[in-house]
C-alpha atoms as a PDB file:
ATOM      1  CA  MET A   1      -8.855  14.566  12.916  1.00  0.00           C
ATOM      2  CA  SER A   2      -5.780  14.081  10.724  1.00  0.00           C
ATOM      3  CA  LYS A   3      -2.640  12.576  12.690  1.00  0.00           C
ATOM      4  CA  SER A   4       0.867  13.128  11.650  1.00  0.00           C
ATOM      5  CA  LEU A   5       3.168  10.868  11.621  1.00  0.00           C
ATOM      6  CA  PHE A   6       7.613  11.478  10.362  1.00  0.00           C
ATOM      7  CA  ILE A   7       8.901   9.997   7.539  1.00  0.00           C
ATOM      8  CA  TYR A   8      12.303   9.543   7.240  1.00  0.00           C
ATOM      9  CA  GLY A   9      15.115   9.698   4.237  1.00  0.00           C
ATOM     10  CA  PHE A  10      15.594  11.471   1.562  1.00  0.00           C
ATOM     11  CA  HIS A  11      13.196   9.413  -0.572  1.00  0.00           C
ATOM     12  CA  GLY A  12      10.013   8.716   0.915  1.00  0.00           C
ATOM     13  CA  ILE A  13      10.630  12.598   2.116  1.00  0.00           C
ATOM     14  CA  GLN A  14      11.277  13.532  -1.684  1.00  0.00           C
ATOM     15  CA  ALA A  15       8.255  10.564  -2.934  1.00  0.00           C
ATOM     16  CA  GLN A  16       6.220  13.294  -0.291  1.00  0.00           C
ATOM     17  CA  LEU A  17       7.195  16.237  -1.391  1.00  0.00           C
ATOM     18  CA  ASP A  18       6.728  15.569  -5.333  1.00  0.00           C
ATOM     19  CA  THR A  19       2.783  13.876  -5.043  1.00  0.00           C
ATOM     20  CA  ASN A  20       1.312  15.552  -1.615  1.00  0.00           C
ATOM     21  CA  PRO A  21       3.517  18.224  -0.691  1.00  0.00           C
ATOM     22  CA  GLN A  22       0.974  20.154   1.585  1.00  0.00           C
ATOM     23  CA  ASN A  23       0.869  17.324   4.230  1.00  0.00           C
ATOM     24  CA  ILE A  24       4.962  17.894   5.007  1.00  0.00           C
ATOM     25  CA  LEU A  25       3.956  19.577   8.061  1.00  0.00           C
ATOM     26  CA  LYS A  26       7.841  20.334   8.466  1.00  0.00           C
ATOM     27  CA  VAL A  27      11.256  18.812   8.457  1.00  0.00           C
ATOM     28  CA  SER A  28      14.314  18.173  10.759  1.00  0.00           C
ATOM     29  CA  THR A  29      17.629  18.315   8.591  1.00  0.00           C
ATOM     30  CA  LEU A  30      20.695  17.061  10.314  1.00  0.00           C
ATOM     31  CA  ASP A  31      22.382  20.258  12.250  1.00  0.00           C
ATOM     32  CA  ASN A  32      26.013  19.551  10.814  1.00  0.00           C
ATOM     33  CA  ARG A  33      24.937  18.320   7.722  1.00  0.00           C
ATOM     34  CA  GLN A  34      26.194  20.562   4.438  1.00  0.00           C
ATOM     35  CA  ASP A  35      25.954  18.564   0.915  1.00  0.00           C
ATOM     36  CA  LYS A  36      24.095  19.205  -2.003  1.00  0.00           C
ATOM     37  CA  ARG A  37      21.693  16.642  -1.981  1.00  0.00           C
ATOM     38  CA  LEU A  38      20.657  18.050   0.904  1.00  0.00           C
ATOM     39  CA  ASN A  39      20.858  21.723  -0.017  1.00  0.00           C
ATOM     40  CA  THR A  40      18.475  20.595  -2.575  1.00  0.00           C
ATOM     41  CA  LEU A  41      16.200  19.092  -1.269  1.00  0.00           C
ATOM     42  CA  ILE A  42      15.927  22.820   1.197  1.00  0.00           C
ATOM     43  CA  GLN A  43      15.214  24.518  -1.905  1.00  0.00           C
ATOM     44  CA  GLN A  44      12.393  22.580  -2.776  1.00  0.00           C
ATOM     45  CA  LEU A  45      10.950  23.124   0.856  1.00  0.00           C
ATOM     46  CA  ASP A  46      11.377  26.219   0.945  1.00  0.00           C
ATOM     47  CA  GLN A  47       9.625  27.190  -2.832  1.00  0.00           C
ATOM     48  CA  HIS A  48       6.612  25.145  -1.049  1.00  0.00           C
ATOM     49  CA  GLY A  49       7.095  27.407   2.104  1.00  0.00           C
ATOM     50  CA  ILE A  50       7.884  23.875   4.358  1.00  0.00           C
ATOM     51  CA  ARG A  51       9.606  25.295   7.525  1.00  0.00           C
ATOM     52  CA  VAL A  52      13.032  23.787   7.869  1.00  0.00           C
ATOM     53  CA  GLU A  53      14.694  23.265  10.639  1.00  0.00           C
ATOM     54  CA  LYS A  54      18.078  22.086  12.142  1.00  0.00           C
ATOM     55  CA  THR A  55      18.340  19.164  14.559  1.00  0.00           C
ATOM     56  CA  SER A  56      20.428  17.088  16.811  1.00  0.00           C
ATOM     57  CA  LYS A  57      21.545  13.359  15.938  1.00  0.00           C
ATOM     58  CA  GLN A  58      19.697  12.376  19.170  1.00  0.00           C
ATOM     59  CA  LYS A  59      16.332  14.367  18.279  1.00  0.00           C
ATOM     60  CA  LEU A  60      16.117  12.779  15.070  1.00  0.00           C
ATOM     61  CA  GLU A  61      17.403   9.140  15.224  1.00  0.00           C
ATOM     62  CA  LYS A  62      13.833   9.529  18.426  1.00  0.00           C
ATOM     63  CA  LEU A  63      11.888  11.042  15.856  1.00  0.00           C
ATOM     64  CA  SER A  64      12.760   8.003  12.780  1.00  0.00           C
ATOM     65  CA  GLY A  65      12.757   5.192  15.691  1.00  0.00           C
ATOM     66  CA  SER A  66      16.277   4.359  15.317  1.00  0.00           C
ATOM     67  CA  ARG A  67      16.022   3.681  12.095  1.00  0.00           C
ATOM     68  CA  THR A  68      18.252   4.746   8.809  1.00  0.00           C
ATOM     69  CA  HIS A  69      17.121   8.673   8.541  1.00  0.00           C
ATOM     70  CA  GLN A  70      19.334   9.972   6.497  1.00  0.00           C
ATOM     71  CA  GLY A  71      19.720  13.105   8.988  1.00  0.00           C
ATOM     72  CA  VAL A  72      16.030  14.140   7.741  1.00  0.00           C
ATOM     73  CA  VAL A  73      12.860  13.361   9.408  1.00  0.00           C
ATOM     74  CA  ALA A  74       9.029  15.261   8.267  1.00  0.00           C
ATOM     75  CA  GLU A  75       7.099  15.154  10.091  1.00  0.00           C
ATOM     76  CA  VAL A  76       3.202  14.753   7.737  1.00  0.00           C
ATOM     77  CA  LEU A  77      -0.648  15.245   8.051  1.00  0.00           C
ATOM     78  CA  LEU A  78      -1.753  11.691   7.361  1.00  0.00           C
ATOM     79  CA  PRO A  79      -4.842  11.430   5.760  1.00  0.00           C
ATOM     80  CA  THR A  80      -7.733   9.410   7.341  1.00  0.00           C
ATOM     81  CA  LEU A  81      -8.531   6.604   4.671  1.00  0.00           C
ATOM     82  CA  PRO A  82     -12.151   6.616   3.196  1.00  0.00           C
ATOM     83  CA  ASN A  83     -14.805   3.806   3.993  1.00  0.00           C
ATOM     84  CA  HIS A  84     -16.596   1.656   2.643  1.00  0.00           C
ATOM     85  CA  ASP A  85     -19.045   4.249   0.797  1.00  0.00           C
ATOM     86  CA  GLU A  86     -16.434   5.963  -0.162  1.00  0.00           C
ATOM     87  CA  LEU A  87     -15.050   2.861  -2.294  1.00  0.00           C
ATOM     88  CA  LEU A  88     -18.046   1.975  -4.129  1.00  0.00           C
ATOM     89  CA  ASN A  89     -18.198   4.992  -5.379  1.00  0.00           C
ATOM     90  CA  HIS A  90     -14.622   5.220  -6.279  1.00  0.00           C
ATOM     91  CA  VAL A  91     -15.423   2.064  -8.347  1.00  0.00           C
ATOM     92  CA  SER A  92     -18.824   2.848  -9.811  1.00  0.00           C
ATOM     93  CA  LYS A  93     -16.869   5.291 -11.295  1.00  0.00           C
ATOM     94  CA  LEU A  94     -14.290   3.530 -13.455  1.00  0.00           C
ATOM     95  CA  ASN A  95     -14.611   3.517 -16.697  1.00  0.00           C
ATOM     96  CA  HIS A  96     -12.441   0.282 -17.570  1.00  0.00           C
ATOM     97  CA  PRO A  97     -12.087  -2.986 -16.771  1.00  0.00           C
ATOM     98  CA  SER A  98     -11.035  -2.525 -13.119  1.00  0.00           C
ATOM     99  CA  LEU A  99      -8.703  -4.266 -11.304  1.00  0.00           C
ATOM    100  CA  ILE A 100      -9.092  -3.639  -6.782  1.00  0.00           C
ATOM    101  CA  LEU A 101      -5.910  -5.431  -4.572  1.00  0.00           C
ATOM    102  CA  ILE A 102      -7.949  -6.297  -1.083  1.00  0.00           C
ATOM    103  CA  LEU A 103      -5.148  -7.418   1.515  1.00  0.00           C
ATOM    104  CA  ASP A 104      -7.253  -9.353   4.320  1.00  0.00           C
ATOM    105  CA  SER A 105      -5.661  -8.374   8.045  1.00  0.00           C
ATOM    106  CA  ILE A 106      -1.956  -7.698   6.759  1.00  0.00           C
ATOM    107  CA  GLN A 107      -0.038  -7.697   9.725  1.00  0.00           C
ATOM    108  CA  ASP A 108       3.780  -6.678   8.849  1.00  0.00           C
ATOM    109  CA  PRO A 109       4.047  -2.856   7.714  1.00  0.00           C
ATOM    110  CA  ARG A 110       6.729  -3.739   5.172  1.00  0.00           C
ATOM    111  CA  ASN A 111       4.527  -6.342   4.047  1.00  0.00           C
ATOM    112  CA  LEU A 112       1.933  -4.496   3.474  1.00  0.00           C
ATOM    113  CA  GLY A 113       4.044  -1.407   2.228  1.00  0.00           C
ATOM    114  CA  ALA A 114       5.797  -3.498  -0.091  1.00  0.00           C
ATOM    115  CA  CYS A 115       2.452  -4.730  -1.261  1.00  0.00           C
ATOM    116  CA  LEU A 116       1.194  -1.306  -1.781  1.00  0.00           C
ATOM    117  CA  ARG A 117       3.984  -1.061  -3.869  1.00  0.00           C
ATOM    118  CA  SER A 118       2.823  -3.265  -6.212  1.00  0.00           C
ATOM    119  CA  ALA A 119      -0.367  -2.534  -6.333  1.00  0.00           C
ATOM    120  CA  ASN A 120       1.136   0.773  -7.275  1.00  0.00           C
ATOM    121  CA  ALA A 121       3.106  -0.214  -9.994  1.00  0.00           C
ATOM    122  CA  ALA A 122       0.977  -2.867 -11.966  1.00  0.00           C
ATOM    123  CA  GLY A 123      -1.469   0.072 -12.170  1.00  0.00           C
ATOM    124  CA  VAL A 124      -4.229  -1.290  -9.249  1.00  0.00           C
ATOM    125  CA  ASP A 125      -7.266   1.398  -9.156  1.00  0.00           C
ATOM    126  CA  CYS A 126      -7.758   0.713  -5.273  1.00  0.00           C
ATOM    127  CA  VAL A 127      -6.364  -0.701  -2.459  1.00  0.00           C
ATOM    128  CA  VAL A 128      -8.826  -2.220  -0.090  1.00  0.00           C
ATOM    129  CA  ILE A 129      -7.466  -2.859   3.706  1.00  0.00           C
ATOM    130  CA  ASN A 130      -9.719  -3.899   6.436  1.00  0.00           C
ATOM    131  CA  LYS A 131      -9.050  -1.259  10.156  1.00  0.00           C
ATOM    132  CA  ASP A 132      -9.586  -3.503  12.380  1.00  0.00           C
ATOM    133  CA  GLY A 133      -6.902  -6.425  11.573  1.00  0.00           C
ATOM    134  CA  SER A 134      -3.933  -5.162   9.035  1.00  0.00           C
ATOM    135  CA  ALA A 135      -1.400  -3.423  10.643  1.00  0.00           C
ATOM    136  CA  PRO A 136      -1.857   1.057  10.808  1.00  0.00           C
ATOM    137  CA  VAL A 137      -0.338   3.169   8.155  1.00  0.00           C
ATOM    138  CA  ASN A 138       3.268   3.888   9.822  1.00  0.00           C
ATOM    139  CA  ALA A 139       6.024   5.566   8.595  1.00  0.00           C
ATOM    140  CA  LEU A 140       7.614   2.139   7.789  1.00  0.00           C
ATOM    141  CA  VAL A 141       4.753   1.167   5.835  1.00  0.00           C
ATOM    142  CA  HIS A 142       5.335   4.633   3.954  1.00  0.00           C
ATOM    143  CA  LYS A 143       8.821   3.958   3.519  1.00  0.00           C
ATOM    144  CA  THR A 144       8.961  -0.148   2.321  1.00  0.00           C
ATOM    145  CA  SER A 145       5.844   1.494  -0.230  1.00  0.00           C
ATOM    146  CA  ALA A 146       8.357   3.740  -1.708  1.00  0.00           C
ATOM    147  CA  GLY A 147       6.022   6.348  -2.368  1.00  0.00           C
ATOM    148  CA  ALA A 148       3.855   4.142  -3.431  1.00  0.00           C
ATOM    149  CA  LEU A 149       0.526   5.322  -0.699  1.00  0.00           C
ATOM    150  CA  ASN A 150       1.136   8.790  -1.803  1.00  0.00           C
ATOM    151  CA  GLN A 151      -0.290   7.493  -5.622  1.00  0.00           C
ATOM    152  CA  LEU A 152      -2.795   4.941  -4.244  1.00  0.00           C
ATOM    153  CA  LYS A 153      -6.663   5.595  -3.602  1.00  0.00           C
ATOM    154  CA  VAL A 154      -6.312   3.230  -0.478  1.00  0.00           C
ATOM    155  CA  PHE A 155      -9.976   2.137   1.852  1.00  0.00           C
ATOM    156  CA  SER A 156     -10.044   1.266   4.293  1.00  0.00           C
ATOM    157  CA  VAL A 157     -13.326  -0.785   5.580  1.00  0.00           C
ATOM    158  CA  THR A 158     -14.953  -2.098   9.128  1.00  0.00           C
ATOM    159  CA  ASN A 159     -16.416  -4.870   7.576  1.00  0.00           C
ATOM    160  CA  LEU A 160     -14.257  -7.080   4.386  1.00  0.00           C
ATOM    161  CA  SER A 161     -16.745 -10.358   4.261  1.00  0.00           C
ATOM    162  CA  ARG A 162     -19.221  -7.197   3.187  1.00  0.00           C
ATOM    163  CA  SER A 163     -17.345  -5.334   0.856  1.00  0.00           C
ATOM    164  CA  ILE A 164     -16.765  -7.365  -0.776  1.00  0.00           C
ATOM    165  CA  LYS A 165     -20.367  -8.233  -1.376  1.00  0.00           C
ATOM    166  CA  ALA A 166     -21.143  -4.825  -2.430  1.00  0.00           C
ATOM    167  CA  LEU A 167     -18.215  -5.560  -5.507  1.00  0.00           C
ATOM    168  CA  GLN A 168     -19.500  -8.194  -6.415  1.00  0.00           C
ATOM    169  CA  LYS A 169     -23.153  -6.741  -6.980  1.00  0.00           C
ATOM    170  CA  GLN A 170     -20.853  -4.315  -9.108  1.00  0.00           C
ATOM    171  CA  ASP A 171     -20.236  -6.081 -11.448  1.00  0.00           C
ATOM    172  CA  ILE A 172     -16.288  -7.607  -9.936  1.00  0.00           C
ATOM    173  CA  TRP A 173     -15.532 -10.978 -10.318  1.00  0.00           C
ATOM    174  CA  ILE A 174     -14.230 -11.537  -6.569  1.00  0.00           C
ATOM    175  CA  ILE A 175     -10.818 -14.218  -6.653  1.00  0.00           C
ATOM    176  CA  GLY A 176      -8.859 -15.080  -3.571  1.00  0.00           C
ATOM    177  CA  LEU A 177      -5.354 -16.227  -3.197  1.00  0.00           C
ATOM    178  CA  ASP A 178      -5.473 -19.392  -1.532  1.00  0.00           C
ATOM    179  CA  GLY A 179      -3.188 -22.519  -1.144  1.00  0.00           C
ATOM    180  CA  SER A 180      -5.359 -25.710  -0.285  1.00  0.00           C
ATOM    181  CA  THR A 181      -6.910 -25.452  -4.311  1.00  0.00           C
ATOM    182  CA  ASP A 182      -6.060 -27.144  -7.462  1.00  0.00           C
ATOM    183  CA  GLN A 183      -7.113 -23.761  -9.821  1.00  0.00           C
ATOM    184  CA  SER A 184      -4.243 -22.171 -11.200  1.00  0.00           C
ATOM    185  CA  PHE A 185      -4.332 -18.281 -11.225  1.00  0.00           C
ATOM    186  CA  TYR A 186      -2.174 -19.017 -14.368  1.00  0.00           C
ATOM    187  CA  GLN A 187      -4.793 -19.664 -16.039  1.00  0.00           C
ATOM    188  CA  ILE A 188      -8.017 -17.897 -15.396  1.00  0.00           C
ATOM    189  CA  ASP A 189      -9.583 -14.879 -17.593  1.00  0.00           C
ATOM    190  CA  LEU A 190      -8.252 -11.953 -16.109  1.00  0.00           C
ATOM    191  CA  SER A 191      -9.029  -9.414 -18.089  1.00  0.00           C
ATOM    192  CA  SER A 192     -12.691  -8.704 -16.462  1.00  0.00           C
ATOM    193  CA  SER A 193     -13.271  -6.199 -13.456  1.00  0.00           C
ATOM    194  CA  ILE A 194     -11.912  -8.552 -10.863  1.00  0.00           C
ATOM    195  CA  ALA A 195     -10.717  -8.177  -7.578  1.00  0.00           C
ATOM    196  CA  ILE A 196      -7.833  -9.501  -6.254  1.00  0.00           C
ATOM    197  CA  VAL A 197      -8.158 -10.476  -2.191  1.00  0.00           C
ATOM    198  CA  MET A 198      -4.209 -11.748  -0.297  1.00  0.00           C
ATOM    199  CA  GLY A 199      -4.405 -13.317   3.123  1.00  0.00           C
ATOM    200  CA  THR A 200      -2.424 -12.646   5.982  1.00  0.00           C
ATOM    201  CA  GLU A 201       0.523 -13.863   7.112  1.00  0.00           C
ATOM    202  CA  GLY A 202       1.426 -17.489   7.420  1.00  0.00           C
ATOM    203  CA  SER A 203      -2.592 -18.384   8.260  1.00  0.00           C
ATOM    204  CA  GLY A 204      -4.254 -16.693   4.765  1.00  0.00           C
ATOM    205  CA  LEU A 205      -7.407 -15.702   4.039  1.00  0.00           C
ATOM    206  CA  ARG A 206     -10.017 -15.777   6.756  1.00  0.00           C
ATOM    207  CA  ARG A 207     -12.546 -18.334   6.877  1.00  0.00           C
ATOM    208  CA  LEU A 208     -15.235 -15.411   5.814  1.00  0.00           C
ATOM    209  CA  THR A 209     -13.328 -14.369   3.062  1.00  0.00           C
ATOM    210  CA  LYS A 210     -12.848 -16.934   1.783  1.00  0.00           C
ATOM    211  CA  GLN A 211     -16.388 -18.131   1.614  1.00  0.00           C
ATOM    212  CA  SER A 212     -16.694 -14.190   0.125  1.00  0.00           C
ATOM    213  CA  CYS A 213     -14.456 -14.868  -3.006  1.00  0.00           C
ATOM    214  CA  ASP A 214     -16.209 -16.224  -6.553  1.00  0.00           C
ATOM    215  CA  GLN A 215     -13.082 -18.464  -7.244  1.00  0.00           C
ATOM    216  CA  LEU A 216     -10.326 -19.198  -5.420  1.00  0.00           C
ATOM    217  CA  ALA A 217      -6.461 -20.137  -7.095  1.00  0.00           C
ATOM    218  CA  MET A 218      -2.768 -20.492  -6.309  1.00  0.00           C
ATOM    219  CA  ILE A 219       0.461 -19.673  -7.345  1.00  0.00           C
ATOM    220  CA  PRO A 220       1.876 -22.902  -8.813  1.00  0.00           C
ATOM    221  CA  MET A 221       5.205 -23.412  -7.005  1.00  0.00           C
ATOM    222  CA  LYS A 222       7.904 -26.155  -7.321  1.00  0.00           C
ATOM    223  CA  GLY A 223      10.402 -27.170  -5.214  1.00  0.00           C
ATOM    224  CA  ASN A 224       9.871 -27.932  -1.245  1.00  0.00           C
ATOM    225  CA  VAL A 225       8.881 -24.276   0.010  1.00  0.00           C
ATOM    226  CA  GLU A 226       5.225 -24.145   1.401  1.00  0.00           C
ATOM    227  CA  SER A 227       3.963 -20.759  -0.020  1.00  0.00           C
ATOM    228  CA  LEU A 228       5.195 -18.035  -0.891  1.00  0.00           C
ATOM    229  CA  ASN A 229       5.887 -14.433   0.823  1.00  0.00           C
ATOM    230  CA  VAL A 230       2.529 -12.076   1.235  1.00  0.00           C
ATOM    231  CA  SER A 231       3.751  -9.383  -0.839  1.00  0.00           C
ATOM    232  CA  VAL A 232       5.914 -11.509  -3.753  1.00  0.00           C
ATOM    233  CA  ALA A 233       2.793 -13.938  -4.296  1.00  0.00           C
ATOM    234  CA  THR A 234       0.331 -10.505  -4.739  1.00  0.00           C
ATOM    235  CA  GLY A 235       3.846  -8.983  -7.069  1.00  0.00           C
ATOM    236  CA  ILE A 236       3.290 -11.770  -8.911  1.00  0.00           C
ATOM    237  CA  ALA A 237      -0.723 -12.070  -9.021  1.00  0.00           C
ATOM    238  CA  LEU A 238      -0.708  -8.319  -9.961  1.00  0.00           C
ATOM    239  CA  PHE A 239       1.599  -8.511 -12.722  1.00  0.00           C
ATOM    240  CA  GLU A 240      -0.201 -11.352 -14.153  1.00  0.00           C
ATOM    241  CA  THR A 241      -3.336  -9.599 -14.380  1.00  0.00           C
ATOM    242  CA  SER A 242      -1.233  -6.795 -15.658  1.00  0.00           C
ATOM    243  CA  ARG A 243       1.174  -9.203 -18.265  1.00  0.00           C
ATOM    244  CA  GLN A 244      -3.141 -10.939 -19.549  1.00  0.00           C
ATOM    245  CA  ARG A 245      -4.737  -7.183 -19.894  1.00  0.00           C
ATOM    246  CA  GLN A 246      -2.088  -6.519 -22.608  1.00  0.00           C
ATOM    247  CA  LEU A 247      -2.129  -8.989 -25.094  1.00  0.00           C
END
């Protein structure tokens, strides 16, 4: 059965309204707010037959977890993410060199949301996360993704190594980002069907995940920084891939 969550702020709710309005159960607005921005949103919600109720600031803060809600909070359905078998079916139907992002145990919801945002902007075909080791797809992920969550195909798998091996059988080259290797990511031909694997904050790729990759690569860095934030590294890797494919 699908669960629901509360998303907040105009941008996140507008993104949901533009992509999947059928998943919005109801919207709560601040009882003493009256302005053009809110009225425009309410008119759009009315056109879709979505219930709007006025409520107190205290209740909105409770629904949003005391985060900045801008006077508007929506309860939305969170559909169950498709699984391993559905991932393979989706990939098998692609008629172009695939670009897949695999996120291995990203535990910070802000990082997960930012990775999804970059994935959407770079035009990935789908994102794969591991069911048990990843941050839950919650309101913070939704907000940080800036609406990208509504437009991406995100698959949740039980065994990441198993899914990687199945993708390899579909002629997809698996590249893991790992700071301990000497191979530069920029020196790899990224024009064929690939999946880029990003590891968790701090420790990087898990051992089995790393062993499952066809190739490991690193992002060259200058200065005294040991590593990049995973969402930053994800953006660099995806847009380098996009750049190569436009040459």
